[in-house]
């Protein structure tokens, strides 16, 4: 079956897809406003905590059970190294791109 064709096109076309979907469903005055935030995943020096959190959600959580313990530990270690590059005095933070979507029925 595969992914929906819209998903193959990437996030750069997200606003156009949302407009098309919502207007096709009868919404008017559709607007999308980017909301770029920083998300704190863990406290300062919390790279291990952030790695643990990431391993419990999303696609990673579905893949990890199929890996050997050594492979899972390799994933965890790689995540910790990655999160070291995103550690600030506020903790482990990542940028998050969000959208505020509005429309009238």
Protein backbone atom coordinates (compact mmCIF):
# COMPACT_ATOMS: atom_id res chain seq x y z
CA UNK A 1 0.00 0.00 0.00
CA UNK A 2 2.65 2.61 0.92
CA UNK A 3 2.37 6.16 2.22
CA UNK A 4 -0.26 8.61 1.05
CA UNK A 5 1.01 10.53 -2.03
CA UNK A 6 0.92 13.83 -0.11
CA UNK A 7 3.33 12.43 2.46
CA UNK A 8 5.93 11.68 -0.21
CA UNK A 9 6.22 15.37 -1.11
CA UNK A 10 7.75 16.63 2.12
CA UNK A 11 6.91 19.25 4.70
CA UNK A 12 7.56 22.18 2.35
CA UNK A 13 4.15 21.54 0.76
CA UNK A 14 2.33 21.14 4.07
CA UNK A 15 0.44 24.48 3.93
CA UNK A 16 -0.88 23.79 0.42
CA UNK A 17 -2.03 20.29 1.42
CA UNK A 18 -3.79 21.56 4.53
CA UNK A 19 -5.55 24.28 2.55
CA UNK A 20 -6.68 21.74 -0.06
CA UNK A 21 -7.91 19.24 2.55
CA UNK A 22 -9.74 21.74 4.76
CA UNK A 23 -11.27 23.72 1.89
CA UNK A 24 -12.35 20.44 0.31
CA UNK A 25 -14.06 19.57 3.60
CA UNK A 26 -16.01 22.82 3.55
CA UNK A 27 -13.84 25.10 5.68
CA UNK A 28 -13.27 28.70 4.63
CA UNK A 29 -10.78 31.36 5.69
CA UNK A 30 -8.15 28.68 6.20
CA UNK A 31 -4.91 30.05 7.59
CA UNK A 32 -1.68 28.50 8.77
CA UNK A 33 0.76 30.32 10.99
CA UNK A 34 4.17 28.83 11.78
CA UNK A 35 4.94 28.50 15.47
CA UNK A 36 8.59 27.65 15.98
CA UNK A 37 9.40 26.69 19.54
CA UNK A 38 12.21 25.13 21.49
CA UNK A 39 11.26 22.00 23.42
CA UNK A 40 13.14 21.05 26.55
CA UNK A 41 13.60 17.28 26.63
CA UNK A 42 15.66 17.00 29.79
CA UNK A 43 17.48 18.97 32.44
CA UNK A 44 21.11 20.09 32.03
CA UNK A 45 23.40 17.06 31.60
CA UNK A 46 20.29 15.03 30.78
CA UNK A 47 21.43 13.46 27.54
CA UNK A 48 20.73 9.94 28.85
CA UNK A 49 17.26 11.00 30.01
CA UNK A 50 16.51 12.53 26.59
CA UNK A 51 17.74 9.35 24.85
CA UNK A 52 15.52 7.20 27.06
CA UNK A 53 12.53 9.42 26.27
CA UNK A 54 13.11 9.29 22.51
CA UNK A 55 13.39 5.52 22.61
CA UNK A 56 9.84 5.21 23.96
CA UNK A 57 7.95 7.00 21.19
CA UNK A 58 7.44 7.28 17.46
CA UNK A 59 9.08 5.11 14.85
CA UNK A 60 12.01 4.32 17.10
CA UNK A 61 9.76 2.65 19.66
CA UNK A 62 8.40 0.37 16.93
CA UNK A 63 11.84 -0.60 15.61
CA UNK A 64 13.75 -1.13 18.86
CA UNK A 65 11.99 -4.35 19.94
CA UNK A 66 13.29 -6.01 16.76
CA UNK A 67 16.91 -5.15 17.55
CA UNK A 68 19.38 -7.07 19.64
CA UNK A 69 20.36 -5.66 23.05
CA UNK A 70 23.70 -4.57 21.57
CA UNK A 71 21.97 -2.76 18.71
CA UNK A 72 19.56 -1.03 21.11
CA UNK A 73 22.49 0.12 23.24
CA UNK A 74 24.21 1.44 20.10
CA UNK A 75 21.07 3.45 19.25
CA UNK A 76 20.92 4.80 22.78
CA UNK A 77 24.62 5.78 22.76
CA UNK A 78 24.20 7.49 19.37
CA UNK A 79 21.22 9.46 20.69
CA UNK A 80 23.21 10.58 23.73
CA UNK A 81 25.99 11.88 21.49
CA UNK A 82 23.42 13.69 19.35
CA UNK A 83 21.76 15.28 22.39
CA UNK A 84 25.13 16.51 23.70
CA UNK A 85 25.08 18.84 20.71
CA UNK A 86 21.73 20.21 21.88
CA UNK A 87 22.55 20.75 25.55
CA UNK A 88 22.39 24.28 26.89
CA UNK A 89 22.36 25.80 30.35
CA UNK A 90 18.58 25.25 30.20
CA UNK A 91 18.95 21.54 29.48
CA UNK A 92 18.62 19.36 26.40
CA UNK A 93 16.56 21.33 23.88
CA UNK A 94 15.44 20.78 20.31
CA UNK A 95 13.77 23.13 17.86
CA UNK A 96 10.18 22.25 17.04
CA UNK A 97 8.32 23.45 13.97
CA UNK A 98 4.58 23.62 14.57
CA UNK A 99 1.62 25.15 12.77
CA UNK A 100 -1.44 26.92 14.14
CA UNK A 101 -4.23 26.00 11.72
CA UNK A 102 -7.48 27.94 11.64
CA UNK A 103 -10.59 27.77 9.51
CA UNK A 104 -14.28 28.57 9.60
CA UNK A 105 -17.07 26.07 9.12
